[in-house]
Amino acid sequence: MNHATAKDPTDSRPRPVARRSFLVRFLTVLIGGIVMLFPFVAAWGVLVDPLRRRRDASSPLGTAPDGAPFVRIGPLEMLPADGVPRQFAITADIVDAWTRAPAQRIGSVFLSRGTSADEPQIMAFTAACPHLGCAVDYDAAASEYKCPCHASAFAQDGKRLLGPSLRGLDPLPVKLVDNDGQQEIWVAFERFRPGIAERIPIV
């Protein structure tokens, strides 16, 4: 005859079945949390990637005091020391959200180099008229910049001579960088708001 053993009501020790049930629930919650975390991590990577790309595409020379990135123009020898302004295209890698287009033309500048035998003196101006943004030309015969759109004129040093423009040409910072014994011209290129007297960069 079988005799059943009575359960001691004072025995509070956990039973194996209860422990296994708790462990299963804990692992289920843990794995579910990890699985749910993946979409958030992926989304964060997608959002941060354009910012990382923009940092990677920044100028190796850093920026000017107002934040404009320096862009390489070329060797100093390509700019004659005769004081005559010459126009140069500005190219840079364009980073827009998740796309990157290398060596795209983003504007142009006028550079002139002084005739001093000492440290080369270089002036740089944007080629955009401060009136409404038309591209200015340099008239060597008149020794002045002229806007073909609305007849604004500017002196060789960028000062406004006549016309509807409310300010002179916009100057740009210039650096001379030694690269294995060869000096290179770098310009902090940026655009400015047209049609106003203040010189305010376009962000």
N, C-alpha and C. Protein backbone atom coordinates (compact mmCIF):
# COMPACT_ATOMS: atom_id res chain seq x y z
N MET A 1 0.85 -1.19 0.00
CA MET A 1 0.00 0.00 0.00
C MET A 1 0.87 1.23 0.00
N ASN A 2 0.59 2.16 -0.94
CA ASN A 2 1.39 3.37 -1.06
C ASN A 2 0.96 4.39 -0.02
N HIS A 3 2.00 5.03 0.51
CA HIS A 3 1.72 6.08 1.51
C HIS A 3 2.27 7.40 0.98
N ALA A 4 1.42 8.39 0.78
CA ALA A 4 1.85 9.72 0.31
C ALA A 4 2.47 10.50 1.44
N THR A 5 3.57 11.20 1.11
CA THR A 5 4.22 12.02 2.13
C THR A 5 3.56 13.38 2.16
N ALA A 6 3.16 13.77 3.31
CA ALA A 6 2.48 15.06 3.47
C ALA A 6 3.48 16.20 3.32
N LYS A 7 3.08 17.32 2.63
CA LYS A 7 3.92 18.50 2.43
C LYS A 7 3.98 19.30 3.70
N ASP A 8 5.16 19.65 4.09
CA ASP A 8 5.35 20.46 5.27
C ASP A 8 4.98 21.90 4.94
N PRO A 9 3.95 22.44 5.59
CA PRO A 9 3.53 23.82 5.27
C PRO A 9 4.57 24.86 5.62
N THR A 10 5.53 24.54 6.43
CA THR A 10 6.56 25.52 6.81
C THR A 10 7.77 25.50 5.87
N ASP A 11 7.77 24.58 4.89
CA ASP A 11 8.90 24.47 3.95
C ASP A 11 8.73 25.52 2.84
N SER A 12 9.60 26.57 2.87
CA SER A 12 9.50 27.67 1.88
C SER A 12 10.56 27.58 0.79
N ARG A 13 11.25 26.47 0.67
CA ARG A 13 12.27 26.34 -0.35
C ARG A 13 11.63 26.34 -1.75
N PRO A 14 12.27 27.12 -2.73
CA PRO A 14 11.70 27.17 -4.09
C PRO A 14 11.79 25.82 -4.77
N ARG A 15 10.80 25.48 -5.50
CA ARG A 15 10.75 24.22 -6.22
C ARG A 15 11.47 24.35 -7.56
N PRO A 16 12.06 23.28 -8.09
CA PRO A 16 12.77 23.34 -9.38
C PRO A 16 11.93 23.87 -10.51
N VAL A 17 10.66 23.52 -10.55
CA VAL A 17 9.79 23.98 -11.63
C VAL A 17 9.63 25.48 -11.59
N ALA A 18 9.50 26.07 -10.41
CA ALA A 18 9.35 27.52 -10.27
C ALA A 18 10.61 28.24 -10.71
N ARG A 19 11.78 27.67 -10.37
CA ARG A 19 13.04 28.30 -10.77
C ARG A 19 13.20 28.28 -12.29
N ARG A 20 12.88 27.15 -12.94
CA ARG A 20 12.99 27.07 -14.38
C ARG A 20 12.03 28.04 -15.07
N SER A 21 10.84 28.18 -14.53
CA SER A 21 9.86 29.09 -15.11
C SER A 21 10.35 30.54 -15.03
N PHE A 22 10.94 30.91 -13.92
CA PHE A 22 11.46 32.27 -13.76
C PHE A 22 12.61 32.53 -14.73
N LEU A 23 13.51 31.53 -14.88
CA LEU A 23 14.65 31.67 -15.77
C LEU A 23 14.21 31.83 -17.22
N VAL A 24 13.20 31.06 -17.63
CA VAL A 24 12.68 31.16 -18.99
C VAL A 24 12.11 32.54 -19.24
N ARG A 25 11.31 33.03 -18.28
CA ARG A 25 10.71 34.37 -18.44
C ARG A 25 11.80 35.44 -18.52
N PHE A 26 12.82 35.35 -17.68
CA PHE A 26 13.90 36.34 -17.66
C PHE A 26 14.64 36.37 -18.99
N LEU A 27 14.99 35.17 -19.51
CA LEU A 27 15.70 35.11 -20.79
C LEU A 27 14.84 35.62 -21.93
N THR A 28 13.53 35.34 -21.88
CA THR A 28 12.63 35.82 -22.93
C THR A 28 12.60 37.35 -22.95
N VAL A 29 12.49 37.95 -21.77
CA VAL A 29 12.47 39.42 -21.68
C VAL A 29 13.81 40.00 -22.15
N LEU A 30 14.93 39.38 -21.75
CA LEU A 30 16.25 39.88 -22.12
C LEU A 30 16.46 39.82 -23.63
N ILE A 31 16.13 38.69 -24.23
CA ILE A 31 16.31 38.55 -25.69
C ILE A 31 15.38 39.50 -26.44
N GLY A 32 14.15 39.63 -25.96
CA GLY A 32 13.21 40.56 -26.60
C GLY A 32 13.72 41.99 -26.54
N GLY A 33 14.33 42.37 -25.38
CA GLY A 33 14.87 43.73 -25.26
C GLY A 33 16.03 43.97 -26.22
N ILE A 34 16.89 42.96 -26.36
CA ILE A 34 18.02 43.10 -27.29
C ILE A 34 17.53 43.24 -28.72
N VAL A 35 16.54 42.40 -29.09
CA VAL A 35 16.00 42.45 -30.45
C VAL A 35 15.36 43.81 -30.73
N MET A 36 14.64 44.35 -29.74
CA MET A 36 13.98 45.65 -29.93
C MET A 36 15.00 46.78 -29.99
N LEU A 37 16.20 46.58 -29.43
CA LEU A 37 17.21 47.63 -29.42
C LEU A 37 17.86 47.83 -30.78
N PHE A 38 17.93 46.78 -31.60
CA PHE A 38 18.60 46.86 -32.89
C PHE A 38 18.04 47.96 -33.80
N PRO A 39 16.72 48.09 -33.97
CA PRO A 39 16.21 49.16 -34.85
C PRO A 39 16.63 50.56 -34.39
N PHE A 40 16.68 50.77 -33.05
CA PHE A 40 17.07 52.08 -32.55
C PHE A 40 18.55 52.35 -32.82
N VAL A 41 19.39 51.33 -32.67
CA VAL A 41 20.81 51.50 -32.96
C VAL A 41 21.03 51.78 -34.44
N ALA A 42 20.31 51.05 -35.30
CA ALA A 42 20.44 51.27 -36.75
C ALA A 42 19.97 52.67 -37.13
N ALA A 43 18.85 53.10 -36.54
CA ALA A 43 18.33 54.44 -36.85
C ALA A 43 19.30 55.52 -36.40
N TRP A 44 19.91 55.32 -35.25
CA TRP A 44 20.89 56.29 -34.75
C TRP A 44 22.09 56.38 -35.70
N GLY A 45 22.54 55.25 -36.20
CA GLY A 45 23.64 55.25 -37.15
C GLY A 45 23.30 56.00 -38.43
N VAL A 46 22.07 55.82 -38.91
CA VAL A 46 21.64 56.51 -40.13
C VAL A 46 21.59 58.02 -39.91
N LEU A 47 21.14 58.44 -38.73
CA LEU A 47 21.04 59.87 -38.44
C LEU A 47 22.40 60.51 -38.25
N VAL A 48 23.32 59.82 -37.63
CA VAL A 48 24.63 60.38 -37.31
C VAL A 48 25.58 60.33 -38.50
N ASP A 49 25.37 59.41 -39.45
CA ASP A 49 26.30 59.23 -40.55
C ASP A 49 26.55 60.50 -41.35
N PRO A 50 25.52 61.30 -41.72
CA PRO A 50 25.81 62.54 -42.45
C PRO A 50 26.71 63.49 -41.68
N LEU A 51 26.54 63.56 -40.35
CA LEU A 51 27.39 64.44 -39.55
C LEU A 51 28.83 63.94 -39.57
N ARG A 52 29.01 62.63 -39.49
CA ARG A 52 30.35 62.06 -39.52
C ARG A 52 31.00 62.32 -40.88
N ARG A 53 30.20 62.17 -41.95
CA ARG A 53 30.73 62.42 -43.29
C ARG A 53 31.17 63.88 -43.43
N ARG A 54 30.36 64.79 -42.86
CA ARG A 54 30.68 66.21 -42.96
C ARG A 54 31.97 66.52 -42.23
N ARG A 55 32.20 65.87 -41.08
CA ARG A 55 33.44 66.06 -40.36
C ARG A 55 34.61 65.50 -41.16
N ASP A 56 34.41 64.34 -41.77
CA ASP A 56 35.48 63.73 -42.56
C ASP A 56 35.83 64.57 -43.77
N ALA A 57 34.84 65.31 -44.31
CA ALA A 57 35.08 66.11 -45.51
C ALA A 57 35.57 67.51 -45.19
N SER A 58 35.82 67.82 -43.93
CA SER A 58 36.24 69.15 -43.54
C SER A 58 37.65 69.45 -44.06
N SER A 59 37.99 70.75 -44.16
CA SER A 59 39.28 71.15 -44.70
C SER A 59 40.41 70.70 -43.79
N PRO A 60 41.51 70.21 -44.37
CA PRO A 60 42.66 69.82 -43.54
C PRO A 60 43.31 71.00 -42.84
N LEU A 61 43.04 72.24 -43.31
CA LEU A 61 43.60 73.43 -42.66
C LEU A 61 42.65 74.01 -41.63
N GLY A 62 41.50 73.36 -41.45
CA GLY A 62 40.54 73.89 -40.49
C GLY A 62 39.70 74.99 -41.12
N THR A 63 39.32 75.96 -40.30
CA THR A 63 38.44 77.02 -40.78
C THR A 63 38.97 78.38 -40.39
N ALA A 64 38.43 79.41 -41.06
CA ALA A 64 38.74 80.79 -40.71
C ALA A 64 38.01 81.16 -39.42
N PRO A 65 38.32 82.33 -38.82
CA PRO A 65 37.64 82.71 -37.58
C PRO A 65 36.12 82.70 -37.64
N ASP A 66 35.55 82.96 -38.83
CA ASP A 66 34.09 82.96 -38.94
C ASP A 66 33.54 81.59 -39.33
N GLY A 67 34.41 80.56 -39.42
CA GLY A 67 33.93 79.21 -39.67
C GLY A 67 34.02 78.74 -41.10
N ALA A 68 34.49 79.59 -42.03
CA ALA A 68 34.58 79.19 -43.44
C ALA A 68 35.74 78.20 -43.63
N PRO A 69 35.51 77.09 -44.35
CA PRO A 69 36.58 76.11 -44.55
C PRO A 69 37.60 76.58 -45.61
N PHE A 70 38.86 76.29 -45.39
CA PHE A 70 39.89 76.63 -46.36
C PHE A 70 39.90 75.61 -47.50
N VAL A 71 40.03 76.14 -48.72
CA VAL A 71 40.03 75.32 -49.92
C VAL A 71 41.32 75.58 -50.68
N ARG A 72 41.95 74.52 -51.18
CA ARG A 72 43.20 74.67 -51.93
C ARG A 72 42.92 75.26 -53.32
N ILE A 73 43.70 76.29 -53.68
CA ILE A 73 43.61 76.88 -55.01
C ILE A 73 44.68 76.29 -55.93
N GLY A 74 45.93 76.27 -55.46
CA GLY A 74 47.01 75.75 -56.27
C GLY A 74 48.34 76.33 -55.82
N PRO A 75 49.43 76.01 -56.53
CA PRO A 75 50.74 76.54 -56.16
C PRO A 75 50.82 78.06 -56.35
N LEU A 76 51.66 78.69 -55.54
CA LEU A 76 51.81 80.14 -55.59
C LEU A 76 52.29 80.61 -56.97
N GLU A 77 53.09 79.79 -57.64
CA GLU A 77 53.66 80.18 -58.94
C GLU A 77 52.60 80.41 -60.01
N MET A 78 51.40 79.85 -59.82
CA MET A 78 50.36 80.03 -60.84
C MET A 78 49.74 81.43 -60.80
N LEU A 79 50.09 82.23 -59.78
CA LEU A 79 49.56 83.58 -59.66
C LEU A 79 50.71 84.57 -59.84
N PRO A 80 50.82 85.22 -61.00
CA PRO A 80 51.92 86.16 -61.25
C PRO A 80 51.91 87.32 -60.26
N ALA A 81 53.12 87.79 -59.91
CA ALA A 81 53.26 88.88 -58.94
C ALA A 81 53.22 90.23 -59.66
N ASP A 82 52.14 90.49 -60.39
CA ASP A 82 52.00 91.75 -61.11
C ASP A 82 50.83 92.59 -60.61
N GLY A 83 50.15 92.11 -59.56
CA GLY A 83 49.04 92.87 -59.00
C GLY A 83 47.75 92.78 -59.76
N VAL A 84 47.73 92.07 -60.89
CA VAL A 84 46.51 91.96 -61.70
C VAL A 84 45.65 90.82 -61.18
N PRO A 85 44.37 91.09 -60.86
CA PRO A 85 43.49 90.01 -60.37
C PRO A 85 43.22 88.97 -61.44
N ARG A 86 43.18 87.73 -61.01
CA ARG A 86 42.86 86.61 -61.90
C ARG A 86 41.82 85.73 -61.22
N GLN A 87 40.95 85.15 -62.06
CA GLN A 87 39.83 84.37 -61.53
C GLN A 87 40.19 82.89 -61.46
N PHE A 88 39.79 82.26 -60.34
CA PHE A 88 40.05 80.84 -60.14
C PHE A 88 38.76 80.16 -59.66
N ALA A 89 38.53 78.97 -60.19
CA ALA A 89 37.37 78.18 -59.76
C ALA A 89 37.63 77.56 -58.39
N ILE A 90 36.58 77.44 -57.60
CA ILE A 90 36.66 76.79 -56.30
C ILE A 90 35.93 75.46 -56.40
N THR A 91 36.65 74.38 -56.09
CA THR A 91 36.03 73.05 -56.09
C THR A 91 36.16 72.44 -54.71
N ALA A 92 35.19 71.63 -54.36
CA ALA A 92 35.20 70.96 -53.06
C ALA A 92 34.29 69.74 -53.13
N ASP A 93 34.48 68.84 -52.18
CA ASP A 93 33.60 67.67 -52.07
C ASP A 93 32.29 68.12 -51.43
N ILE A 94 31.18 67.80 -52.08
CA ILE A 94 29.86 68.18 -51.58
C ILE A 94 29.25 67.00 -50.83
N VAL A 95 28.92 67.22 -49.57
CA VAL A 95 28.29 66.19 -48.76
C VAL A 95 26.87 66.65 -48.46
N ASP A 96 25.90 65.90 -48.99
CA ASP A 96 24.49 66.25 -48.80
C ASP A 96 23.77 65.02 -48.27
N ALA A 97 23.44 65.05 -46.97
CA ALA A 97 22.80 63.91 -46.31
C ALA A 97 23.66 62.66 -46.51
N TRP A 98 23.19 61.69 -47.30
CA TRP A 98 23.92 60.42 -47.44
C TRP A 98 24.67 60.29 -48.75
N THR A 99 24.78 61.37 -49.51
CA THR A 99 25.50 61.33 -50.77
C THR A 99 26.73 62.23 -50.70
N ARG A 100 27.75 61.87 -51.48
CA ARG A 100 28.97 62.66 -51.52
C ARG A 100 29.43 62.77 -52.97
N ALA A 101 29.57 64.02 -53.44
CA ALA A 101 30.01 64.28 -54.81
C ALA A 101 31.37 64.96 -54.75
N PRO A 102 32.43 64.28 -55.20
CA PRO A 102 33.77 64.87 -55.11
C PRO A 102 34.04 65.90 -56.19
N ALA A 103 34.89 66.87 -55.83
CA ALA A 103 35.43 67.87 -56.77
C ALA A 103 34.33 68.59 -57.56
N GLN A 104 33.37 69.15 -56.86
CA GLN A 104 32.31 69.92 -57.50
C GLN A 104 32.63 71.41 -57.45
N ARG A 105 32.33 72.12 -58.53
CA ARG A 105 32.55 73.57 -58.53
C ARG A 105 31.49 74.24 -57.67
N ILE A 106 31.95 75.01 -56.68
CA ILE A 106 31.03 75.68 -55.77
C ILE A 106 31.08 77.20 -55.89
N GLY A 107 31.94 77.70 -56.74
CA GLY A 107 32.03 79.15 -56.91
C GLY A 107 33.36 79.52 -57.54
N SER A 108 33.70 80.80 -57.48
CA SER A 108 34.98 81.26 -58.00
C SER A 108 35.43 82.49 -57.22
N VAL A 109 36.73 82.74 -57.27
CA VAL A 109 37.32 83.87 -56.56
C VAL A 109 38.28 84.61 -57.48
N PHE A 110 38.53 85.88 -57.15
CA PHE A 110 39.58 86.65 -57.79
C PHE A 110 40.75 86.77 -56.84
N LEU A 111 41.95 86.43 -57.33
CA LEU A 111 43.16 86.54 -56.54
C LEU A 111 44.12 87.51 -57.21
N SER A 112 44.79 88.33 -56.43
CA SER A 112 45.84 89.19 -56.95
C SER A 112 47.03 89.14 -56.00
N ARG A 113 48.22 89.16 -56.59
CA ARG A 113 49.45 89.04 -55.82
C ARG A 113 50.29 90.29 -55.99
N GLY A 114 50.69 90.87 -54.86
CA GLY A 114 51.49 92.09 -54.90
C GLY A 114 52.87 91.85 -55.46
N THR A 115 53.55 92.94 -55.80
CA THR A 115 54.87 92.86 -56.41
C THR A 115 55.99 92.94 -55.38
N SER A 116 55.66 92.93 -54.09
CA SER A 116 56.68 93.03 -53.05
C SER A 116 57.62 91.83 -53.12
N ALA A 117 58.91 92.09 -52.88
CA ALA A 117 59.90 91.01 -52.90
C ALA A 117 59.91 90.23 -51.59
N ASP A 118 59.27 90.76 -50.58
CA ASP A 118 59.21 90.09 -49.28
C ASP A 118 58.12 89.02 -49.31
N GLU A 119 57.48 88.80 -48.17
CA GLU A 119 56.39 87.82 -48.08
C GLU A 119 55.28 88.16 -49.08
N PRO A 120 54.88 87.20 -49.92
CA PRO A 120 53.84 87.48 -50.92
C PRO A 120 52.55 88.00 -50.28
N GLN A 121 52.03 89.09 -50.82
CA GLN A 121 50.78 89.67 -50.35
C GLN A 121 49.69 89.33 -51.35
N ILE A 122 48.70 88.55 -50.89
CA ILE A 122 47.64 88.09 -51.79
C ILE A 122 46.29 88.60 -51.29
N MET A 123 45.52 89.17 -52.19
CA MET A 123 44.14 89.56 -51.89
C MET A 123 43.19 88.60 -52.58
N ALA A 124 42.11 88.28 -51.90
CA ALA A 124 41.11 87.38 -52.47
C ALA A 124 39.72 87.98 -52.27
N PHE A 125 38.91 87.92 -53.32
CA PHE A 125 37.53 88.39 -53.28
C PHE A 125 36.63 87.34 -53.92
N THR A 126 35.41 87.22 -53.43
CA THR A 126 34.45 86.38 -54.12
C THR A 126 34.12 87.02 -55.46
N ALA A 127 33.78 86.18 -56.43
CA ALA A 127 33.46 86.68 -57.76
C ALA A 127 31.99 87.05 -57.89
N ALA A 128 31.24 87.01 -56.79
CA ALA A 128 29.81 87.34 -56.82
C ALA A 128 29.61 88.80 -56.44
N CYS A 129 28.83 89.50 -57.23
CA CYS A 129 28.53 90.89 -56.93
C CYS A 129 27.69 90.96 -55.65
N PRO A 130 28.02 91.85 -54.72
CA PRO A 130 27.25 91.95 -53.48
C PRO A 130 25.83 92.50 -53.67
N HIS A 131 25.53 92.99 -54.88
CA HIS A 131 24.20 93.53 -55.12
C HIS A 131 23.17 92.41 -55.17
N LEU A 132 23.24 91.58 -56.22
CA LEU A 132 22.29 90.47 -56.36
C LEU A 132 22.97 89.15 -56.70
N GLY A 133 24.29 89.09 -56.59
CA GLY A 133 24.99 87.82 -56.76
C GLY A 133 25.44 87.50 -58.17
N CYS A 134 25.34 88.43 -59.12
CA CYS A 134 25.85 88.16 -60.47
C CYS A 134 27.37 88.01 -60.42
N ALA A 135 27.92 87.30 -61.40
CA ALA A 135 29.36 87.11 -61.47
C ALA A 135 30.03 88.35 -62.04
N VAL A 136 30.95 88.92 -61.31
CA VAL A 136 31.65 90.12 -61.77
C VAL A 136 32.81 89.73 -62.68
N ASP A 137 33.25 90.68 -63.51
CA ASP A 137 34.41 90.53 -64.37
C ASP A 137 35.45 91.57 -63.97
N TYR A 138 36.71 91.29 -64.32
CA TYR A 138 37.75 92.29 -64.07
C TYR A 138 38.13 92.94 -65.39
N ASP A 139 38.01 94.27 -65.44
CA ASP A 139 38.35 95.05 -66.63
C ASP A 139 39.79 95.55 -66.45
N ALA A 140 40.73 94.88 -67.12
CA ALA A 140 42.14 95.24 -66.94
C ALA A 140 42.44 96.64 -67.46
N ALA A 141 41.75 97.08 -68.52
CA ALA A 141 41.99 98.41 -69.08
C ALA A 141 41.59 99.51 -68.10
N ALA A 142 40.48 99.28 -67.39
CA ALA A 142 40.00 100.28 -66.42
C ALA A 142 40.53 100.01 -65.01
N SER A 143 41.20 98.87 -64.81
CA SER A 143 41.71 98.47 -63.49
C SER A 143 40.60 98.45 -62.45
N GLU A 144 39.47 97.85 -62.80
CA GLU A 144 38.36 97.76 -61.85
C GLU A 144 37.49 96.55 -62.18
N TYR A 145 36.77 96.11 -61.15
CA TYR A 145 35.79 95.03 -61.32
C TYR A 145 34.47 95.64 -61.77
N LYS A 146 33.77 94.93 -62.65
CA LYS A 146 32.48 95.43 -63.14
C LYS A 146 31.45 94.32 -63.10
N CYS A 147 30.23 94.68 -62.72
CA CYS A 147 29.12 93.74 -62.73
C CYS A 147 28.33 93.92 -64.02
N PRO A 148 28.19 92.90 -64.84
CA PRO A 148 27.47 93.04 -66.12
C PRO A 148 25.97 93.13 -65.96
N CYS A 149 25.45 92.85 -64.78
CA CYS A 149 23.99 92.83 -64.60
C CYS A 149 23.41 94.21 -64.30
N HIS A 150 24.02 94.94 -63.35
CA HIS A 150 23.42 96.20 -62.92
C HIS A 150 24.43 97.33 -62.81
N ALA A 151 25.58 97.16 -63.50
CA ALA A 151 26.57 98.24 -63.67
C ALA A 151 27.24 98.69 -62.38
N SER A 152 27.28 97.84 -61.37
CA SER A 152 28.09 98.18 -60.20
C SER A 152 29.56 98.05 -60.58
N ALA A 153 30.41 98.90 -59.99
CA ALA A 153 31.85 98.85 -60.27
C ALA A 153 32.61 98.91 -58.95
N PHE A 154 33.76 98.24 -58.93
CA PHE A 154 34.55 98.14 -57.70
C PHE A 154 36.03 98.36 -58.03
N ALA A 155 36.73 99.01 -57.13
CA ALA A 155 38.16 99.26 -57.31
C ALA A 155 38.94 97.95 -57.18
N GLN A 156 40.23 98.02 -57.50
CA GLN A 156 41.06 96.82 -57.45
C GLN A 156 41.20 96.29 -56.03
N ASP A 157 41.03 97.17 -55.04
CA ASP A 157 41.09 96.73 -53.65
C ASP A 157 39.72 96.31 -53.11
N GLY A 158 38.72 96.24 -54.00
CA GLY A 158 37.40 95.76 -53.62
C GLY A 158 36.41 96.83 -53.21
N LYS A 159 36.84 98.07 -53.05
CA LYS A 159 35.94 99.13 -52.61
C LYS A 159 34.91 99.46 -53.69
N ARG A 160 33.70 99.78 -53.25
CA ARG A 160 32.62 100.12 -54.18
C ARG A 160 32.90 101.48 -54.81
N LEU A 161 32.78 101.53 -56.15
CA LEU A 161 32.97 102.79 -56.88
C LEU A 161 31.64 103.41 -57.27
N LEU A 162 30.75 102.61 -57.84
CA LEU A 162 29.45 103.13 -58.28
C LEU A 162 28.49 101.98 -58.48
N GLY A 163 27.21 102.34 -58.69
CA GLY A 163 26.19 101.32 -58.94
C GLY A 163 25.34 101.04 -57.72
N PRO A 164 24.38 100.13 -57.88
CA PRO A 164 23.40 99.87 -56.80
C PRO A 164 23.93 99.01 -55.65
N SER A 165 25.11 98.42 -55.77
CA SER A 165 25.61 97.58 -54.67
C SER A 165 25.78 98.42 -53.42
N LEU A 166 25.38 97.87 -52.29
CA LEU A 166 25.44 98.60 -51.01
C LEU A 166 26.75 98.38 -50.26
N ARG A 167 27.64 97.56 -50.79
CA ARG A 167 28.94 97.35 -50.15
C ARG A 167 29.97 96.96 -51.21
N GLY A 168 31.22 96.92 -50.81
CA GLY A 168 32.28 96.50 -51.72
C GLY A 168 32.30 95.00 -51.90
N LEU A 169 33.26 94.54 -52.72
CA LEU A 169 33.41 93.10 -52.92
C LEU A 169 33.73 92.42 -51.59
N ASP A 170 33.32 91.18 -51.46
CA ASP A 170 33.51 90.45 -50.21
C ASP A 170 34.89 89.81 -50.18
N PRO A 171 35.76 90.24 -49.24
CA PRO A 171 37.11 89.66 -49.14
C PRO A 171 37.08 88.30 -48.47
N LEU A 172 38.11 87.52 -48.74
CA LEU A 172 38.23 86.18 -48.17
C LEU A 172 39.61 86.00 -47.55
N PRO A 173 39.71 85.30 -46.41
CA PRO A 173 41.02 85.03 -45.81
C PRO A 173 41.86 84.11 -46.70
N VAL A 174 43.17 84.35 -46.71
CA VAL A 174 44.11 83.58 -47.52
C VAL A 174 45.22 83.04 -46.64
N LYS A 175 45.64 81.80 -46.93
CA LYS A 175 46.80 81.20 -46.26
C LYS A 175 47.78 80.70 -47.31
N LEU A 176 49.06 80.87 -47.00
CA LEU A 176 50.11 80.25 -47.80
C LEU A 176 50.65 79.07 -47.01
N VAL A 177 50.60 77.89 -47.60
CA VAL A 177 50.98 76.66 -46.91
C VAL A 177 52.16 76.02 -47.63
N ASP A 178 53.18 75.64 -46.85
CA ASP A 178 54.35 74.98 -47.42
C ASP A 178 54.07 73.49 -47.58
N ASN A 179 54.22 73.01 -48.82
CA ASN A 179 53.99 71.59 -49.12
C ASN A 179 55.23 71.04 -49.80
N ASP A 180 56.11 70.42 -49.00
CA ASP A 180 57.36 69.86 -49.52
C ASP A 180 58.18 70.90 -50.26
N GLY A 181 58.28 72.09 -49.66
CA GLY A 181 59.10 73.14 -50.24
C GLY A 181 58.38 74.02 -51.25
N GLN A 182 57.16 73.67 -51.60
CA GLN A 182 56.38 74.47 -52.55
C GLN A 182 55.23 75.15 -51.82
N GLN A 183 55.12 76.47 -51.98
CA GLN A 183 54.04 77.20 -51.34
C GLN A 183 52.74 77.06 -52.13
N GLU A 184 51.65 76.83 -51.40
CA GLU A 184 50.33 76.68 -52.00
C GLU A 184 49.38 77.74 -51.46
N ILE A 185 48.45 78.16 -52.29
CA ILE A 185 47.45 79.16 -51.90
C ILE A 185 46.18 78.43 -51.45
N TRP A 186 45.73 78.77 -50.25
CA TRP A 186 44.47 78.25 -49.72
C TRP A 186 43.58 79.44 -49.36
N VAL A 187 42.30 79.34 -49.70
CA VAL A 187 41.34 80.43 -49.46
C VAL A 187 40.17 79.90 -48.65
N ALA A 188 39.75 80.67 -47.66
CA ALA A 188 38.56 80.32 -46.87
C ALA A 188 37.34 80.81 -47.64
N PHE A 189 36.75 79.92 -48.42
CA PHE A 189 35.67 80.33 -49.33
C PHE A 189 34.32 80.28 -48.62
N GLU A 190 33.52 81.31 -48.85
CA GLU A 190 32.13 81.33 -48.38
C GLU A 190 31.35 82.36 -49.18
N ARG A 191 30.03 82.26 -49.07
CA ARG A 191 29.14 83.21 -49.75
C ARG A 191 28.53 84.14 -48.72
N PHE A 192 28.11 85.33 -49.20
CA PHE A 192 27.52 86.33 -48.32
C PHE A 192 26.17 86.77 -48.87
N ARG A 193 25.32 87.20 -47.97
CA ARG A 193 23.98 87.63 -48.38
C ARG A 193 24.07 88.84 -49.30
N PRO A 194 23.42 88.77 -50.46
CA PRO A 194 23.44 89.92 -51.37
C PRO A 194 22.36 90.94 -51.00
N GLY A 195 22.50 92.13 -51.55
CA GLY A 195 21.46 93.15 -51.44
C GLY A 195 21.42 93.92 -50.14
N ILE A 196 22.39 93.71 -49.23
CA ILE A 196 22.41 94.42 -47.95
C ILE A 196 23.79 95.02 -47.75
N ALA A 197 23.88 96.02 -46.87
CA ALA A 197 25.16 96.69 -46.62
C ALA A 197 26.04 95.86 -45.70
N GLU A 198 25.43 95.07 -44.80
CA GLU A 198 26.21 94.25 -43.89
C GLU A 198 26.78 93.04 -44.62
N ARG A 199 27.93 92.59 -44.15
CA ARG A 199 28.56 91.39 -44.74
C ARG A 199 28.22 90.20 -43.85
N ILE A 200 27.16 89.47 -44.21
CA ILE A 200 26.66 88.36 -43.40
C ILE A 200 26.82 87.05 -44.19
N PRO A 201 27.60 86.09 -43.66
CA PRO A 201 27.78 84.83 -44.39
C PRO A 201 26.47 84.07 -44.54
N ILE A 202 26.36 83.35 -45.64
CA ILE A 202 25.22 82.45 -45.87
C ILE A 202 25.59 81.09 -45.29
N VAL A 203 24.86 80.66 -44.30
CA VAL A 203 25.17 79.40 -43.63
C VAL A 203 24.51 78.26 -44.39
